[in-house]
Every structure is written in structure tokens, then in C-alpha cells.
């Protein structure tokens, strides 16, 4: 479970919307040697959404879903099994986040707002 701070650029009005999202990825792992393919479903819970100190949280759906697909490459650093890894993950937004086609201040949304993103993770795993 991760708390993700994501943003969106709304190019029509040249403004940025910032969102706090709680993500719960549910992934199946398919491992071949040091390479792992991950796929699944991820519910995202919108905690807050704001643009220029104005809240838009009530105008977005509370929960939306994405389909994460990831490729993970692990390479060992020592004989104890400690290792470094690199993961590239893409989230395909499956559900529409906005409740309507217009915000309360009169700004028209670009049809449907979906939560799609690309993430790169570099990390180190060790036994505790």
C-alpha cells in the first residue's frame, strides 16, 4: 500500500491540479531468473485534490481503478542474497475519475480524467 502524490496538468487553462492518492496494488508476479513480470489491478482512493488552494475532492469519484503492468530486473550485489533492483511500471487508468463534465467553477473537463502514469523505481533489498 502506498500513498502517492500525483499531479495533472490541465493544459486548457494552464493550471496544475495536485492530488493525494492512497494506492493499493494487487499484483501477480511471474518470475524468470532475475526478471519478474508483474500484472494486476490497483484501486486508488482519492484523499484530496486541489488547484490554486481550491479543493476539487468532492467533484472526483472516491475510488478509481488502474491496471498496473511492471517489468522488474534484479541483480545480486553479494553472496548473502542482498540485491539491487530496477522496476518500470505503467498504470493504465481503467475508470473515469471525474463525476461530471464540468467543475463547480465552470471549467469544463477534457471528457474523462483517468489515472494513468509511468513510474521508475530503483531499490535495494536486504534481509532484516
N, C-alpha and C. Protein backbone atom coordinates (compact mmCIF):
# COMPACT_ATOMS: atom_id res chain seq x y z
N UNK A 1 0.85 -1.16 0.00
CA UNK A 1 0.00 0.00 0.00
C UNK A 1 0.90 1.23 0.00
N UNK A 2 0.60 2.17 -0.87
CA UNK A 2 1.42 3.36 -0.97
C UNK A 2 0.54 4.60 -1.00
N UNK A 3 1.06 5.67 -0.46
CA UNK A 3 0.41 6.96 -0.58
C UNK A 3 1.17 7.72 -1.65
N UNK A 4 0.50 8.05 -2.72
CA UNK A 4 1.14 8.64 -3.89
C UNK A 4 0.69 10.09 -4.03
N UNK A 5 1.64 10.98 -4.26
CA UNK A 5 1.31 12.37 -4.53
C UNK A 5 1.50 12.57 -6.02
N UNK A 6 0.40 12.71 -6.74
CA UNK A 6 0.46 12.85 -8.18
C UNK A 6 -0.17 14.16 -8.59
N UNK A 7 0.14 14.59 -9.77
CA UNK A 7 -0.44 15.83 -10.28
C UNK A 7 -0.86 15.66 -11.72
N UNK A 8 -1.62 16.61 -12.17
CA UNK A 8 -2.09 16.60 -13.54
C UNK A 8 -2.00 18.03 -14.07
N UNK A 9 -1.59 18.16 -15.31
CA UNK A 9 -1.56 19.47 -15.94
C UNK A 9 -2.81 19.61 -16.78
N UNK A 10 -3.55 20.64 -16.52
CA UNK A 10 -4.79 20.91 -17.24
C UNK A 10 -4.48 21.98 -18.27
N UNK A 11 -4.05 21.58 -19.47
CA UNK A 11 -3.47 22.49 -20.45
C UNK A 11 -4.46 23.52 -21.00
N UNK A 12 -5.75 23.24 -20.92
CA UNK A 12 -6.74 24.17 -21.46
C UNK A 12 -6.69 25.50 -20.72
N UNK A 13 -6.49 25.44 -19.41
CA UNK A 13 -6.45 26.68 -18.61
C UNK A 13 -5.06 26.92 -18.04
N UNK A 14 -4.08 26.10 -18.42
CA UNK A 14 -2.70 26.22 -17.97
C UNK A 14 -2.61 26.25 -16.44
N UNK A 15 -3.24 25.28 -15.79
CA UNK A 15 -3.23 25.14 -14.34
C UNK A 15 -2.79 23.73 -13.98
N UNK A 16 -2.32 23.55 -12.76
CA UNK A 16 -1.95 22.23 -12.25
C UNK A 16 -2.88 21.85 -11.12
N UNK A 17 -3.37 20.59 -11.15
CA UNK A 17 -4.16 20.05 -10.06
C UNK A 17 -3.28 19.05 -9.32
N UNK A 18 -3.24 19.15 -8.00
CA UNK A 18 -2.44 18.25 -7.19
C UNK A 18 -3.37 17.34 -6.41
N UNK A 19 -3.05 16.04 -6.42
CA UNK A 19 -3.91 15.05 -5.78
C UNK A 19 -3.10 14.19 -4.83
N UNK A 20 -3.68 13.89 -3.67
CA UNK A 20 -3.14 12.90 -2.74
C UNK A 20 -3.97 11.64 -2.94
N UNK A 21 -3.29 10.53 -3.25
CA UNK A 21 -3.96 9.29 -3.60
C UNK A 21 -3.38 8.16 -2.76
N UNK A 22 -4.24 7.34 -2.18
CA UNK A 22 -3.82 6.12 -1.47
C UNK A 22 -4.02 4.96 -2.45
N UNK A 23 -2.93 4.30 -2.83
CA UNK A 23 -2.98 3.23 -3.81
C UNK A 23 -2.75 1.88 -3.14
N UNK A 24 -3.52 0.87 -3.56
CA UNK A 24 -3.39 -0.48 -3.02
C UNK A 24 -3.18 -1.45 -4.20
N UNK A 25 -1.92 -1.67 -4.62
CA UNK A 25 -1.67 -2.56 -5.75
C UNK A 25 -1.86 -4.03 -5.37
N UNK A 26 -2.58 -4.76 -6.19
CA UNK A 26 -2.77 -6.20 -6.05
C UNK A 26 -2.17 -6.84 -7.30
N UNK A 27 -0.96 -7.39 -7.15
CA UNK A 27 -0.18 -7.84 -8.30
C UNK A 27 0.14 -9.32 -8.23
N UNK A 28 0.12 -9.96 -9.39
CA UNK A 28 0.63 -11.32 -9.54
C UNK A 28 2.03 -11.21 -10.13
N UNK A 29 2.97 -12.00 -9.60
CA UNK A 29 4.36 -11.97 -10.07
C UNK A 29 4.68 -13.23 -10.86
N UNK A 30 5.30 -13.05 -12.01
CA UNK A 30 5.76 -14.16 -12.85
C UNK A 30 7.26 -13.98 -13.02
N UNK A 31 8.04 -14.85 -12.34
CA UNK A 31 9.49 -14.70 -12.29
C UNK A 31 10.19 -15.69 -13.20
N UNK A 32 11.16 -15.17 -13.96
CA UNK A 32 12.03 -15.98 -14.81
C UNK A 32 13.46 -15.52 -14.53
N UNK A 33 14.16 -16.26 -13.70
CA UNK A 33 15.51 -15.87 -13.32
C UNK A 33 15.50 -14.58 -12.51
N UNK A 34 16.22 -13.58 -12.99
CA UNK A 34 16.30 -12.30 -12.30
C UNK A 34 15.27 -11.28 -12.81
N UNK A 35 14.44 -11.70 -13.77
CA UNK A 35 13.43 -10.80 -14.34
C UNK A 35 12.04 -11.23 -13.85
N UNK A 36 11.25 -10.26 -13.42
CA UNK A 36 9.90 -10.52 -12.94
C UNK A 36 8.92 -9.65 -13.70
N UNK A 37 7.87 -10.27 -14.21
CA UNK A 37 6.77 -9.54 -14.83
C UNK A 37 5.65 -9.48 -13.81
N UNK A 38 5.11 -8.30 -13.59
CA UNK A 38 4.04 -8.11 -12.62
C UNK A 38 2.82 -7.53 -13.33
N UNK A 39 1.64 -8.02 -12.96
CA UNK A 39 0.39 -7.51 -13.55
C UNK A 39 -0.72 -7.67 -12.52
N UNK A 40 -1.71 -6.79 -12.60
CA UNK A 40 -2.81 -6.90 -11.65
C UNK A 40 -3.79 -5.75 -11.76
N UNK A 41 -4.41 -5.45 -10.63
CA UNK A 41 -5.40 -4.39 -10.53
C UNK A 41 -5.02 -3.52 -9.34
N UNK A 42 -5.32 -2.23 -9.42
CA UNK A 42 -4.98 -1.33 -8.32
C UNK A 42 -6.12 -0.36 -8.06
N UNK A 43 -6.79 -0.47 -6.90
CA UNK A 43 -7.74 0.57 -6.52
C UNK A 43 -6.97 1.78 -5.96
N UNK A 44 -7.39 2.96 -6.36
CA UNK A 44 -6.81 4.21 -5.89
C UNK A 44 -7.89 5.00 -5.17
N UNK A 45 -7.60 5.46 -3.97
CA UNK A 45 -8.54 6.23 -3.16
C UNK A 45 -8.10 7.69 -3.17
N UNK A 46 -8.95 8.58 -3.67
CA UNK A 46 -8.64 10.00 -3.73
C UNK A 46 -8.81 10.59 -2.33
N UNK A 47 -7.72 11.07 -1.74
CA UNK A 47 -7.76 11.68 -0.42
C UNK A 47 -7.99 13.18 -0.52
N UNK A 48 -7.37 13.82 -1.50
CA UNK A 48 -7.59 15.25 -1.72
C UNK A 48 -7.18 15.61 -3.14
N UNK A 49 -7.79 16.66 -3.66
CA UNK A 49 -7.46 17.21 -4.98
C UNK A 49 -7.63 18.72 -4.88
N UNK A 50 -6.60 19.45 -5.28
CA UNK A 50 -6.68 20.90 -5.17
C UNK A 50 -5.95 21.58 -6.32
N UNK A 51 -6.46 22.76 -6.65
CA UNK A 51 -5.85 23.59 -7.68
C UNK A 51 -5.92 25.03 -7.17
N UNK A 52 -4.77 25.67 -7.03
CA UNK A 52 -4.72 27.05 -6.53
C UNK A 52 -5.45 27.20 -5.20
N UNK A 53 -5.19 26.30 -4.27
CA UNK A 53 -5.79 26.31 -2.92
C UNK A 53 -7.31 26.16 -2.91
N UNK A 54 -7.89 25.68 -4.00
CA UNK A 54 -9.32 25.38 -4.06
C UNK A 54 -9.48 23.87 -4.14
N UNK A 55 -10.30 23.28 -3.27
CA UNK A 55 -10.49 21.83 -3.23
C UNK A 55 -11.48 21.38 -4.31
N UNK A 56 -11.10 20.32 -5.02
CA UNK A 56 -11.96 19.69 -6.02
C UNK A 56 -12.25 18.24 -5.65
N UNK A 57 -11.95 17.87 -4.41
CA UNK A 57 -12.10 16.50 -3.95
C UNK A 57 -13.53 15.99 -4.11
N UNK A 58 -14.51 16.81 -3.79
CA UNK A 58 -15.92 16.39 -3.88
C UNK A 58 -16.42 16.24 -5.31
N UNK A 59 -15.65 16.70 -6.29
CA UNK A 59 -16.06 16.61 -7.69
C UNK A 59 -15.41 15.43 -8.40
N UNK A 60 -14.62 14.65 -7.66
CA UNK A 60 -13.99 13.45 -8.19
C UNK A 60 -14.55 12.23 -7.48
N UNK A 61 -14.55 11.09 -8.17
CA UNK A 61 -15.00 9.86 -7.54
C UNK A 61 -14.01 9.45 -6.46
N UNK A 62 -14.50 8.85 -5.40
CA UNK A 62 -13.66 8.47 -4.26
C UNK A 62 -12.69 7.36 -4.62
N UNK A 63 -13.13 6.40 -5.43
CA UNK A 63 -12.31 5.24 -5.79
C UNK A 63 -12.26 5.13 -7.31
N UNK A 64 -11.07 4.87 -7.84
CA UNK A 64 -10.93 4.55 -9.25
C UNK A 64 -9.95 3.39 -9.37
N UNK A 65 -9.92 2.76 -10.53
CA UNK A 65 -9.11 1.56 -10.73
C UNK A 65 -8.15 1.73 -11.90
N UNK A 66 -6.97 1.15 -11.75
CA UNK A 66 -6.00 1.11 -12.83
C UNK A 66 -5.44 -0.31 -12.93
N UNK A 67 -4.84 -0.61 -14.07
CA UNK A 67 -4.22 -1.92 -14.30
C UNK A 67 -2.71 -1.71 -14.40
N UNK A 68 -1.96 -2.02 -13.33
CA UNK A 68 -0.51 -1.88 -13.38
C UNK A 68 0.14 -3.08 -14.06
N UNK A 69 1.14 -2.77 -14.89
CA UNK A 69 1.97 -3.78 -15.54
C UNK A 69 3.41 -3.35 -15.31
N UNK A 70 4.25 -4.25 -14.81
CA UNK A 70 5.62 -3.87 -14.46
C UNK A 70 6.61 -4.92 -14.94
N UNK A 71 7.82 -4.43 -15.21
CA UNK A 71 8.95 -5.29 -15.52
C UNK A 71 10.03 -4.96 -14.50
N UNK A 72 10.47 -5.98 -13.73
CA UNK A 72 11.41 -5.80 -12.65
C UNK A 72 12.66 -6.61 -12.96
N UNK A 73 13.82 -5.98 -12.86
CA UNK A 73 15.09 -6.67 -13.09
C UNK A 73 15.92 -6.57 -11.82
N UNK A 74 16.32 -7.75 -11.27
CA UNK A 74 17.10 -7.80 -10.04
C UNK A 74 18.51 -8.24 -10.37
N UNK A 75 19.48 -7.62 -9.74
CA UNK A 75 20.86 -8.07 -9.90
C UNK A 75 21.51 -8.13 -8.53
N UNK A 76 22.19 -9.24 -8.27
CA UNK A 76 22.74 -9.51 -6.94
C UNK A 76 23.98 -8.68 -6.69
N UNK A 77 24.15 -8.27 -5.41
CA UNK A 77 25.31 -7.46 -5.05
C UNK A 77 26.29 -8.21 -4.16
N UNK A 78 25.84 -9.29 -3.51
CA UNK A 78 26.76 -10.08 -2.68
C UNK A 78 26.23 -11.50 -2.50
N UNK A 79 27.00 -12.32 -1.80
CA UNK A 79 26.63 -13.74 -1.62
C UNK A 79 25.52 -13.95 -0.61
N UNK A 80 25.18 -12.95 0.19
CA UNK A 80 24.14 -13.09 1.20
C UNK A 80 22.73 -12.94 0.63
N UNK A 81 22.64 -12.66 -0.65
CA UNK A 81 21.33 -12.50 -1.26
C UNK A 81 20.83 -11.08 -1.32
N UNK A 82 21.59 -10.14 -0.74
CA UNK A 82 21.20 -8.74 -0.86
C UNK A 82 21.31 -8.33 -2.32
N UNK A 83 20.35 -7.56 -2.78
CA UNK A 83 20.37 -7.23 -4.19
C UNK A 83 19.76 -5.88 -4.50
N UNK A 84 20.15 -5.34 -5.63
CA UNK A 84 19.58 -4.12 -6.18
C UNK A 84 18.54 -4.51 -7.21
N UNK A 85 17.58 -3.62 -7.45
CA UNK A 85 16.60 -3.89 -8.49
C UNK A 85 16.18 -2.60 -9.18
N UNK A 86 15.71 -2.75 -10.40
CA UNK A 86 15.15 -1.65 -11.19
C UNK A 86 13.79 -2.12 -11.68
N UNK A 87 12.77 -1.28 -11.52
CA UNK A 87 11.43 -1.64 -11.95
C UNK A 87 10.81 -0.50 -12.74
N UNK A 88 10.24 -0.84 -13.88
CA UNK A 88 9.48 0.10 -14.69
C UNK A 88 8.04 -0.35 -14.66
N UNK A 89 7.15 0.54 -14.18
CA UNK A 89 5.74 0.17 -14.01
C UNK A 89 4.85 1.19 -14.71
N UNK A 90 3.88 0.68 -15.47
CA UNK A 90 2.90 1.55 -16.14
C UNK A 90 1.52 1.23 -15.58
N UNK A 91 0.77 2.27 -15.24
CA UNK A 91 -0.60 2.13 -14.75
C UNK A 91 -1.54 2.64 -15.83
N UNK A 92 -2.37 1.75 -16.33
CA UNK A 92 -3.37 2.12 -17.31
C UNK A 92 -4.66 2.44 -16.57
N UNK A 93 -5.12 3.69 -16.65
CA UNK A 93 -6.35 4.09 -15.98
C UNK A 93 -7.56 3.41 -16.59
N UNK A 94 -8.31 2.68 -15.80
CA UNK A 94 -9.47 1.93 -16.30
C UNK A 94 -10.79 2.67 -16.10
N UNK A 95 -10.89 3.44 -15.02
CA UNK A 95 -12.17 4.10 -14.71
C UNK A 95 -12.02 5.62 -14.76
N UNK A 96 -13.11 6.27 -15.02
CA UNK A 96 -13.18 7.72 -15.08
C UNK A 96 -13.17 8.29 -13.66
N UNK A 97 -12.33 9.29 -13.40
CA UNK A 97 -12.20 9.86 -12.06
C UNK A 97 -13.20 10.98 -11.79
N UNK A 98 -13.55 11.74 -12.81
CA UNK A 98 -14.43 12.88 -12.60
C UNK A 98 -15.89 12.45 -12.59
N UNK A 99 -16.68 13.12 -11.75
CA UNK A 99 -18.11 12.80 -11.65
C UNK A 99 -18.91 13.36 -12.82
N UNK A 100 -18.54 14.55 -13.29
CA UNK A 100 -19.26 15.18 -14.39
C UNK A 100 -18.30 15.77 -15.39
N UNK A 101 -18.85 16.46 -16.39
CA UNK A 101 -18.02 17.07 -17.43
C UNK A 101 -17.65 18.51 -17.12
N UNK A 102 -18.07 19.00 -15.95
CA UNK A 102 -17.77 20.38 -15.60
C UNK A 102 -17.53 20.48 -14.10
N UNK A 103 -16.50 21.27 -13.74
CA UNK A 103 -16.25 21.54 -12.33
C UNK A 103 -17.19 22.63 -11.85
N UNK A 104 -17.30 22.76 -10.54
CA UNK A 104 -18.26 23.72 -9.96
C UNK A 104 -17.94 25.17 -10.32
N UNK A 105 -16.69 25.46 -10.65
CA UNK A 105 -16.34 26.84 -11.01
C UNK A 105 -16.59 27.13 -12.49
N UNK A 106 -17.16 26.16 -13.22
CA UNK A 106 -17.49 26.37 -14.63
C UNK A 106 -16.47 25.86 -15.61
N UNK A 107 -15.30 25.38 -15.14
CA UNK A 107 -14.30 24.85 -16.05
C UNK A 107 -14.76 23.50 -16.58
N UNK A 108 -14.67 23.32 -17.85
CA UNK A 108 -15.06 22.07 -18.49
C UNK A 108 -13.88 21.10 -18.43
N UNK A 109 -14.15 19.86 -18.04
CA UNK A 109 -13.10 18.83 -18.00
C UNK A 109 -12.89 18.30 -19.42
N UNK A 110 -11.74 17.71 -19.68
CA UNK A 110 -11.48 17.19 -21.03
C UNK A 110 -12.15 15.84 -21.26
N UNK A 111 -13.43 15.72 -20.99
CA UNK A 111 -14.16 14.46 -21.19
C UNK A 111 -14.05 13.56 -19.99
N UNK A 112 -13.02 12.73 -19.96
CA UNK A 112 -12.83 11.85 -18.81
C UNK A 112 -11.40 11.98 -18.31
N UNK A 113 -11.28 12.09 -17.01
CA UNK A 113 -9.97 12.16 -16.36
C UNK A 113 -9.66 10.75 -15.86
N UNK A 114 -8.57 10.18 -16.32
CA UNK A 114 -8.16 8.84 -15.91
C UNK A 114 -6.78 8.91 -15.27
N UNK A 115 -6.54 8.03 -14.31
CA UNK A 115 -5.29 8.00 -13.56
C UNK A 115 -4.32 7.03 -14.24
N UNK A 116 -3.56 7.49 -15.20
CA UNK A 116 -2.53 6.68 -15.86
C UNK A 116 -1.18 7.32 -15.57
N UNK A 117 -0.18 6.49 -15.28
CA UNK A 117 1.15 7.05 -15.00
C UNK A 117 2.22 6.00 -15.29
N UNK A 118 3.43 6.49 -15.43
CA UNK A 118 4.61 5.67 -15.63
C UNK A 118 5.56 5.93 -14.47
N UNK A 119 6.05 4.86 -13.82
CA UNK A 119 6.93 5.01 -12.67
C UNK A 119 8.20 4.19 -12.85
N UNK A 120 9.32 4.76 -12.43
CA UNK A 120 10.60 4.06 -12.42
C UNK A 120 11.06 3.98 -10.98
N UNK A 121 11.39 2.76 -10.52
CA UNK A 121 11.84 2.54 -9.14
C UNK A 121 13.22 1.89 -9.17
N UNK A 122 14.14 2.42 -8.39
CA UNK A 122 15.45 1.80 -8.18
C UNK A 122 15.54 1.55 -6.69
N UNK A 123 15.86 0.31 -6.31
CA UNK A 123 15.86 -0.01 -4.89
C UNK A 123 16.88 -1.05 -4.50
N UNK A 124 16.97 -1.30 -3.20
CA UNK A 124 17.89 -2.26 -2.62
C UNK A 124 17.13 -3.12 -1.64
N UNK A 125 17.22 -4.44 -1.80
CA UNK A 125 16.56 -5.38 -0.89
C UNK A 125 17.61 -6.03 0.00
N UNK A 126 17.25 -6.20 1.27
CA UNK A 126 18.18 -6.86 2.20
C UNK A 126 17.36 -7.63 3.24
N UNK A 127 17.99 -8.62 3.84
CA UNK A 127 17.36 -9.38 4.92
C UNK A 127 17.42 -8.59 6.21
N UNK A 128 16.31 -8.58 6.94
CA UNK A 128 16.30 -7.88 8.23
C UNK A 128 16.30 -8.88 9.36
